[in-house]
Amino acid sequence: MGIGDKAKNKAEELAGKAKAAAGDATDNRDLEAEGRVQESKADVKQAGENVKDSGDDVADALRSASGATKFEDPDTPR
């Protein structure tokens, strides 16, 4: 995951928190709920990106253990 994605997800999370806080402060339950939903969506996106990163780490570890490289042609005999 790129740093841009991390920053974007964090910004969305913070915007959701701000919306929820504003809704709570003004007794606007709709705004508060909207903020909580936005915050939750950002958390889910971040979790998905973390899963992708973990999968990449596992694939890299397996490649390293087998001596293969990321761009090695699987049809070429060693």
PDB file of N, CA and C in Angstrom:
ATOM      1  N   MET A   1       0.854  -1.169   0.000  1.00  0.00           N
ATOM      2  CA  MET A   1       0.000   0.000   0.000  1.00  0.00           C
ATOM      3  C   MET A   1       0.893   1.223   0.000  1.00  0.00           C
ATOM      4  N   GLY A   2       0.528   2.175  -0.810  1.00  0.00           N
ATOM      5  CA  GLY A   2       1.322   3.379  -0.897  1.00  0.00           C
ATOM      6  C   GLY A   2       1.017   4.345   0.230  1.00  0.00           C
ATOM      7  N   ILE A   3       1.955   5.238   0.436  1.00  0.00           N
ATOM      8  CA  ILE A   3       1.783   6.225   1.498  1.00  0.00           C
ATOM      9  C   ILE A   3       0.611   7.150   1.207  1.00  0.00           C
ATOM     10  N   GLY A   4       0.316   7.360  -0.067  1.00  0.00           N
ATOM     11  CA  GLY A   4      -0.827   8.182  -0.446  1.00  0.00           C
ATOM     12  C   GLY A   4      -2.139   7.559  -0.003  1.00  0.00           C
ATOM     13  N   ASP A   5      -2.233   6.224  -0.136  1.00  0.00           N
ATOM     14  CA  ASP A   5      -3.441   5.520   0.305  1.00  0.00           C
ATOM     15  C   ASP A   5      -3.604   5.620   1.817  1.00  0.00           C
ATOM     16  N   LYS A   6      -2.499   5.473   2.532  1.00  0.00           N
ATOM     17  CA  LYS A   6      -2.553   5.573   3.990  1.00  0.00           C
ATOM     18  C   LYS A   6      -3.025   6.959   4.413  1.00  0.00           C
ATOM     19  N   ALA A   7      -2.483   7.978   3.777  1.00  0.00           N
ATOM     20  CA  ALA A   7      -2.848   9.354   4.116  1.00  0.00           C
ATOM     21  C   ALA A   7      -4.313   9.622   3.775  1.00  0.00           C
ATOM     22  N   LYS A   8      -4.760   9.111   2.648  1.00  0.00           N
ATOM     23  CA  LYS A   8      -6.142   9.305   2.227  1.00  0.00           C
ATOM     24  C   LYS A   8      -7.106   8.636   3.206  1.00  0.00           C
ATOM     25  N   ASN A   9      -6.787   7.406   3.606  1.00  0.00           N
ATOM     26  CA  ASN A   9      -7.634   6.696   4.564  1.00  0.00           C
ATOM     27  C   ASN A   9      -7.652   7.395   5.913  1.00  0.00           C
ATOM     28  N   LYS A  10      -6.505   7.887   6.347  1.00  0.00           N
ATOM     29  CA  LYS A  10      -6.428   8.583   7.634  1.00  0.00           C
ATOM     30  C   LYS A  10      -7.217   9.887   7.576  1.00  0.00           C
ATOM     31  N   ALA A  11      -7.124  10.608   6.462  1.00  0.00           N
ATOM     32  CA  ALA A  11      -7.868  11.858   6.313  1.00  0.00           C
ATOM     33  C   ALA A  11      -9.374  11.587   6.347  1.00  0.00           C
ATOM     34  N   GLU A  12      -9.806  10.510   5.692  1.00  0.00           N
ATOM     35  CA  GLU A  12     -11.226  10.163   5.697  1.00  0.00           C
ATOM     36  C   GLU A  12     -11.681   9.782   7.109  1.00  0.00           C
ATOM     37  N   GLU A  13     -10.833   9.068   7.819  1.00  0.00           N
ATOM     38  CA  GLU A  13     -11.152   8.681   9.194  1.00  0.00           C
ATOM     39  C   GLU A  13     -11.296   9.919  10.086  1.00  0.00           C
ATOM     40  N   LEU A  14     -10.355  10.838   9.956  1.00  0.00           N
ATOM     41  CA  LEU A  14     -10.400  12.058  10.769  1.00  0.00           C
ATOM     42  C   LEU A  14     -11.601  12.931  10.416  1.00  0.00           C
ATOM     43  N   ALA A  15     -11.954  12.985   9.138  1.00  0.00           N
ATOM     44  CA  ALA A  15     -13.130  13.751   8.727  1.00  0.00           C
ATOM     45  C   ALA A  15     -14.388  13.143   9.332  1.00  0.00           C
ATOM     46  N   GLY A  16     -14.448  11.827   9.368  1.00  0.00           N
ATOM     47  CA  GLY A  16     -15.585  11.143   9.977  1.00  0.00           C
ATOM     48  C   GLY A  16     -15.677  11.424  11.465  1.00  0.00           C
ATOM     49  N   LYS A  17     -14.528  11.413  12.141  1.00  0.00           N
ATOM     50  CA  LYS A  17     -14.513  11.725  13.575  1.00  0.00           C
ATOM     51  C   LYS A  17     -14.985  13.148  13.829  1.00  0.00           C
ATOM     52  N   ALA A  18     -14.530  14.061  12.992  1.00  0.00           N
ATOM     53  CA  ALA A  18     -14.927  15.461  13.146  1.00  0.00           C
ATOM     54  C   ALA A  18     -16.434  15.628  12.932  1.00  0.00           C
ATOM     55  N   LYS A  19     -16.953  14.950  11.904  1.00  0.00           N
ATOM     56  CA  LYS A  19     -18.389  15.015  11.631  1.00  0.00           C
ATOM     57  C   LYS A  19     -19.189  14.449  12.800  1.00  0.00           C
ATOM     58  N   ALA A  20     -18.738  13.320  13.315  1.00  0.00           N
ATOM     59  CA  ALA A  20     -19.434  12.687  14.436  1.00  0.00           C
ATOM     60  C   ALA A  20     -19.407  13.589  15.667  1.00  0.00           C
ATOM     61  N   ALA A  21     -18.263  14.217  15.911  1.00  0.00           N
ATOM     62  CA  ALA A  21     -18.149  15.118  17.061  1.00  0.00           C
ATOM     63  C   ALA A  21     -19.039  16.344  16.883  1.00  0.00           C
ATOM     64  N   ALA A  22     -19.078  16.879  15.677  1.00  0.00           N
ATOM     65  CA  ALA A  22     -19.935  18.038  15.406  1.00  0.00           C
ATOM     66  C   ALA A  22     -21.402  17.668  15.572  1.00  0.00           C
ATOM     67  N   GLY A  23     -21.769  16.497  15.098  1.00  0.00           N
ATOM     68  CA  GLY A  23     -23.138  16.033  15.251  1.00  0.00           C
ATOM     69  C   GLY A  23     -23.505  15.832  16.706  1.00  0.00           C
ATOM     70  N   ASP A  24     -22.574  15.308  17.481  1.00  0.00           N
ATOM     71  CA  ASP A  24     -22.811  15.106  18.909  1.00  0.00           C
ATOM     72  C   ASP A  24     -22.951  16.439  19.638  1.00  0.00           C
ATOM     73  N   ALA A  25     -22.082  17.385  19.294  1.00  0.00           N
ATOM     74  CA  ALA A  25     -22.089  18.688  19.951  1.00  0.00           C
ATOM     75  C   ALA A  25     -23.355  19.486  19.639  1.00  0.00           C
ATOM     76  N   THR A  26     -23.902  19.299  18.450  1.00  0.00           N
ATOM     77  CA  THR A  26     -25.079  20.071  18.044  1.00  0.00           C
ATOM     78  C   THR A  26     -26.373  19.270  18.175  1.00  0.00           C
ATOM     79  N   ASP A  27     -26.267  18.076  18.744  1.00  0.00           N
ATOM     80  CA  ASP A  27     -27.431  17.189  18.892  1.00  0.00           C
ATOM     81  C   ASP A  27     -28.052  16.812  17.554  1.00  0.00           C
ATOM     82  N   ASN A  28     -27.222  16.786  16.516  1.00  0.00           N
ATOM     83  CA  ASN A  28     -27.673  16.384  15.184  1.00  0.00           C
ATOM     84  C   ASN A  28     -27.306  14.915  15.008  1.00  0.00           C
ATOM     85  N   ARG A  29     -28.256  14.035  15.291  1.00  0.00           N
ATOM     86  CA  ARG A  29     -27.998  12.585  15.260  1.00  0.00           C
ATOM     87  C   ARG A  29     -27.684  12.088  13.850  1.00  0.00           C
ATOM     88  N   ASP A  30     -28.281  12.717  12.847  1.00  0.00           N
ATOM     89  CA  ASP A  30     -27.999  12.308  11.463  1.00  0.00           C
ATOM     90  C   ASP A  30     -26.547  12.587  11.098  1.00  0.00           C
ATOM     91  N   LEU A  31     -26.053  13.756  11.455  1.00  0.00           N
ATOM     92  CA  LEU A  31     -24.663  14.115  11.165  1.00  0.00           C
ATOM     93  C   LEU A  31     -23.699  13.222  11.952  1.00  0.00           C
ATOM     94  N   GLU A  32     -24.061  12.962  13.187  1.00  0.00           N
ATOM     95  CA  GLU A  32     -23.221  12.085  14.010  1.00  0.00           C
ATOM     96  C   GLU A  32     -23.132  10.689  13.391  1.00  0.00           C
ATOM     97  N   ALA A  33     -24.275  10.165  12.972  1.00  0.00           N
ATOM     98  CA  ALA A  33     -24.297   8.832  12.353  1.00  0.00           C
ATOM     99  C   ALA A  33     -23.513   8.824  11.042  1.00  0.00           C
ATOM    100  N   GLU A  34     -23.682   9.877  10.258  1.00  0.00           N
ATOM    101  CA  GLU A  34     -22.946   9.981   8.991  1.00  0.00           C
ATOM    102  C   GLU A  34     -21.438   9.975   9.244  1.00  0.00           C
ATOM    103  N   GLY A  35     -21.011  10.683  10.273  1.00  0.00           N
ATOM    104  CA  GLY A  35     -19.594  10.709  10.627  1.00  0.00           C
ATOM    105  C   GLY A  35     -19.085   9.349  11.067  1.00  0.00           C
ATOM    106  N   ARG A  36     -19.872   8.640  11.851  1.00  0.00           N
ATOM    107  CA  ARG A  36     -19.474   7.305  12.315  1.00  0.00           C
ATOM    108  C   ARG A  36     -19.374   6.330  11.126  1.00  0.00           C
ATOM    109  N   VAL A  37     -20.300   6.455  10.181  1.00  0.00           N
ATOM    110  CA  VAL A  37     -20.254   5.601   8.984  1.00  0.00           C
ATOM    111  C   VAL A  37     -18.997   5.907   8.175  1.00  0.00           C
ATOM    112  N   GLN A  38     -18.695   7.184   7.990  1.00  0.00           N
ATOM    113  CA  GLN A  38     -17.509   7.577   7.233  1.00  0.00           C
ATOM    114  C   GLN A  38     -16.244   7.054   7.915  1.00  0.00           C
ATOM    115  N   GLU A  39     -16.205   7.171   9.224  1.00  0.00           N
ATOM    116  CA  GLU A  39     -15.055   6.685   9.989  1.00  0.00           C
ATOM    117  C   GLU A  39     -14.914   5.166   9.844  1.00  0.00           C
ATOM    118  N   SER A  40     -16.036   4.465   9.909  1.00  0.00           N
ATOM    119  CA  SER A  40     -16.017   3.005   9.773  1.00  0.00           C
ATOM    120  C   SER A  40     -15.559   2.575   8.388  1.00  0.00           C
ATOM    121  N   LYS A  41     -16.008   3.277   7.358  1.00  0.00           N
ATOM    122  CA  LYS A  41     -15.582   2.954   5.996  1.00  0.00           C
ATOM    123  C   LYS A  41     -14.076   3.099   5.850  1.00  0.00           C
ATOM    124  N   ALA A  42     -13.532   4.155   6.428  1.00  0.00           N
ATOM    125  CA  ALA A  42     -12.085   4.370   6.358  1.00  0.00           C
ATOM    126  C   ALA A  42     -11.346   3.249   7.089  1.00  0.00           C
ATOM    127  N   ASP A  43     -11.889   2.818   8.226  1.00  0.00           N
ATOM    128  CA  ASP A  43     -11.264   1.724   8.978  1.00  0.00           C
ATOM    129  C   ASP A  43     -11.280   0.425   8.173  1.00  0.00           C
ATOM    130  N   VAL A  44     -12.378   0.159   7.479  1.00  0.00           N
ATOM    131  CA  VAL A  44     -12.482  -1.053   6.668  1.00  0.00           C
ATOM    132  C   VAL A  44     -11.485  -1.001   5.503  1.00  0.00           C
ATOM    133  N   LYS A  45     -11.380   0.162   4.865  1.00  0.00           N
ATOM    134  CA  LYS A  45     -10.408   0.306   3.771  1.00  0.00           C
ATOM    135  C   LYS A  45      -8.997   0.061   4.275  1.00  0.00           C
ATOM    136  N   GLN A  46      -8.692   0.616   5.453  1.00  0.00           N
ATOM    137  CA  GLN A  46      -7.356   0.446   6.024  1.00  0.00           C
ATOM    138  C   GLN A  46      -7.102  -1.028   6.341  1.00  0.00           C
ATOM    139  N   ALA A  47      -8.097  -1.711   6.884  1.00  0.00           N
ATOM    140  CA  ALA A  47      -7.939  -3.134   7.190  1.00  0.00           C
ATOM    141  C   ALA A  47      -7.701  -3.940   5.914  1.00  0.00           C
ATOM    142  N   GLY A  48      -8.422  -3.609   4.850  1.00  0.00           N
ATOM    143  CA  GLY A  48      -8.222  -4.295   3.572  1.00  0.00           C
ATOM    144  C   GLY A  48      -6.819  -4.084   3.029  1.00  0.00           C
ATOM    145  N   GLU A  49      -6.335  -2.874   3.149  1.00  0.00           N
ATOM    146  CA  GLU A  49      -4.972  -2.586   2.694  1.00  0.00           C
ATOM    147  C   GLU A  49      -3.948  -3.342   3.542  1.00  0.00           C
ATOM    148  N   ASN A  50      -4.208  -3.461   4.838  1.00  0.00           N
ATOM    149  CA  ASN A  50      -3.301  -4.210   5.712  1.00  0.00           C
ATOM    150  C   ASN A  50      -3.272  -5.688   5.342  1.00  0.00           C
ATOM    151  N   VAL A  51      -4.427  -6.233   4.964  1.00  0.00           N
ATOM    152  CA  VAL A  51      -4.483  -7.629   4.522  1.00  0.00           C
ATOM    153  C   VAL A  51      -3.662  -7.800   3.248  1.00  0.00           C
ATOM    154  N   LYS A  52      -3.814  -6.864   2.311  1.00  0.00           N
ATOM    155  CA  LYS A  52      -3.023  -6.928   1.067  1.00  0.00           C
ATOM    156  C   LYS A  52      -1.532  -6.872   1.373  1.00  0.00           C
ATOM    157  N   ASP A  53      -1.151  -5.968   2.270  1.00  0.00           N
ATOM    158  CA  ASP A  53       0.259  -5.856   2.639  1.00  0.00           C
ATOM    159  C   ASP A  53       0.772  -7.156   3.257  1.00  0.00           C
ATOM    160  N   SER A  54      -0.046  -7.776   4.104  1.00  0.00           N
ATOM    161  CA  SER A  54       0.348  -9.036   4.735  1.00  0.00           C
ATOM    162  C   SER A  54       0.516 -10.128   3.689  1.00  0.00           C
ATOM    163  N   GLY A  55      -0.395 -10.167   2.728  1.00  0.00           N
ATOM    164  CA  GLY A  55      -0.286 -11.151   1.649  1.00  0.00           C
ATOM    165  C   GLY A  55       0.984 -10.954   0.845  1.00  0.00           C
ATOM    166  N   ASP A  56       1.322  -9.706   0.575  1.00  0.00           N
ATOM    167  CA  ASP A  56       2.560  -9.408  -0.145  1.00  0.00           C
ATOM    168  C   ASP A  56       3.776  -9.843   0.668  1.00  0.00           C
ATOM    169  N   ASP A  57       3.724  -9.620   1.977  1.00  0.00           N
ATOM    170  CA  ASP A  57       4.837 -10.022   2.840  1.00  0.00           C
ATOM    171  C   ASP A  57       5.022 -11.542   2.832  1.00  0.00           C
ATOM    172  N   VAL A  58       3.910 -12.269   2.891  1.00  0.00           N
ATOM    173  CA  VAL A  58       3.976 -13.732   2.858  1.00  0.00           C
ATOM    174  C   VAL A  58       4.540 -14.197   1.520  1.00  0.00           C
ATOM    175  N   ALA A  59       4.063 -13.622   0.436  1.00  0.00           N
ATOM    176  CA  ALA A  59       4.556 -14.003  -0.890  1.00  0.00           C
ATOM    177  C   ALA A  59       6.053 -13.715  -1.010  1.00  0.00           C
ATOM    178  N   ASP A  60       6.485 -12.566  -0.512  1.00  0.00           N
ATOM    179  CA  ASP A  60       7.916 -12.232  -0.550  1.00  0.00           C
ATOM    180  C   ASP A  60       8.739 -13.212   0.281  1.00  0.00           C
ATOM    181  N   ALA A  61       8.216 -13.598   1.439  1.00  0.00           N
ATOM    182  CA  ALA A  61       8.934 -14.542   2.297  1.00  0.00           C
ATOM    183  C   ALA A  61       9.044 -15.909   1.633  1.00  0.00           C
ATOM    184  N   LEU A  62       7.978 -16.347   0.990  1.00  0.00           N
ATOM    185  CA  LEU A  62       8.015 -17.627   0.292  1.00  0.00           C
ATOM    186  C   LEU A  62       8.986 -17.587  -0.881  1.00  0.00           C
ATOM    187  N   ARG A  63       8.974 -16.480  -1.617  1.00  0.00           N
ATOM    188  CA  ARG A  63       9.913 -16.321  -2.736  1.00  0.00           C
ATOM    189  C   ARG A  63      11.346 -16.358  -2.226  1.00  0.00           C
ATOM    190  N   SER A  64      11.579 -15.660  -1.142  1.00  0.00           N
ATOM    191  CA  SER A  64      12.919 -15.599  -0.578  1.00  0.00           C
ATOM    192  C   SER A  64      13.372 -16.985  -0.112  1.00  0.00           C
ATOM    193  N   ALA A  65      12.480 -17.710   0.524  1.00  0.00           N
ATOM    194  CA  ALA A  65      12.817 -19.041   1.017  1.00  0.00           C
ATOM    195  C   ALA A  65      13.084 -20.017  -0.120  1.00  0.00           C
ATOM    196  N   SER A  66      12.410 -19.822  -1.243  1.00  0.00           N
ATOM    197  CA  SER A  66      12.585 -20.747  -2.364  1.00  0.00           C
ATOM    198  C   SER A  66      13.726 -20.323  -3.293  1.00  0.00           C
ATOM    199  N   GLY A  67      14.231 -19.123  -3.099  1.00  0.00           N
ATOM    200  CA  GLY A  67      15.299 -18.632  -3.951  1.00  0.00           C
ATOM    201  C   GLY A  67      14.790 -17.998  -5.230  1.00  0.00           C
ATOM    202  N   ALA A  68      13.501 -17.906  -5.395  1.00  0.00           N
ATOM    203  CA  ALA A  68      12.920 -17.303  -6.594  1.00  0.00           C
ATOM    204  C   ALA A  68      12.939 -15.781  -6.474  1.00  0.00           C
ATOM    205  N   THR A  69      12.799 -15.132  -7.612  1.00  0.00           N
ATOM    206  CA  THR A  69      12.681 -13.680  -7.604  1.00  0.00           C
ATOM    207  C   THR A  69      11.286 -13.300  -8.043  1.00  0.00           C
ATOM    208  N   LYS A  70      10.906 -12.097  -7.772  1.00  0.00           N
ATOM    209  CA  LYS A  70       9.557 -11.638  -8.068  1.00  0.00           C
ATOM    210  C   LYS A  70       9.247 -11.702  -9.562  1.00  0.00           C
ATOM    211  N   PHE A  71      10.227 -11.456 -10.392  1.00  0.00           N
ATOM    212  CA  PHE A  71       9.988 -11.365 -11.835  1.00  0.00           C
ATOM    213  C   PHE A  71      10.549 -12.551 -12.603  1.00  0.00           C
ATOM    214  N   GLU A  72      10.839 -13.605 -11.908  1.00  0.00           N
ATOM    215  CA  GLU A  72      11.394 -14.780 -12.555  1.00  0.00           C
ATOM    216  C   GLU A  72      10.318 -15.478 -13.378  1.00  0.00           C
ATOM    217  N   ASP A  73      10.675 -15.928 -14.569  1.00  0.00           N
ATOM    218  CA  ASP A  73       9.750 -16.637 -15.442  1.00  0.00           C
ATOM    219  C   ASP A  73       9.585 -18.065 -14.933  1.00  0.00           C
ATOM    220  N   PRO A  74       8.363 -18.471 -14.565  1.00  0.00           N
ATOM    221  CA  PRO A  74       8.177 -19.821 -14.017  1.00  0.00           C
ATOM    222  C   PRO A  74       8.387 -20.927 -15.042  1.00  0.00           C
ATOM    223  N   ASP A  75       8.385 -20.604 -16.320  1.00  0.00           N
ATOM    224  CA  ASP A  75       8.576 -21.616 -17.359  1.00  0.00           C
ATOM    225  C   ASP A  75      10.052 -21.867 -17.687  1.00  0.00           C
ATOM    226  N   THR A  76      10.921 -21.041 -17.149  1.00  0.00           N
ATOM    227  CA  THR A  76      12.352 -21.187 -17.412  1.00  0.00           C
ATOM    228  C   THR A  76      12.959 -22.164 -16.400  1.00  0.00           C
ATOM    229  N   PRO A  77      13.567 -23.248 -16.888  1.00  0.00           N
ATOM    230  CA  PRO A  77      14.184 -24.196 -15.947  1.00  0.00           C
ATOM    231  C   PRO A  77      15.390 -23.573 -15.263  1.00  0.00           C
ATOM    232  N   ARG A  78      15.636 -24.011 -14.061  1.00  0.00           N
ATOM    233  CA  ARG A  78      16.783 -23.481 -13.287  1.00  0.00           C
ATOM    234  C   ARG A  78      18.033 -24.217 -13.586  1.00  0.00           C
TER     235      ARG A  78
END
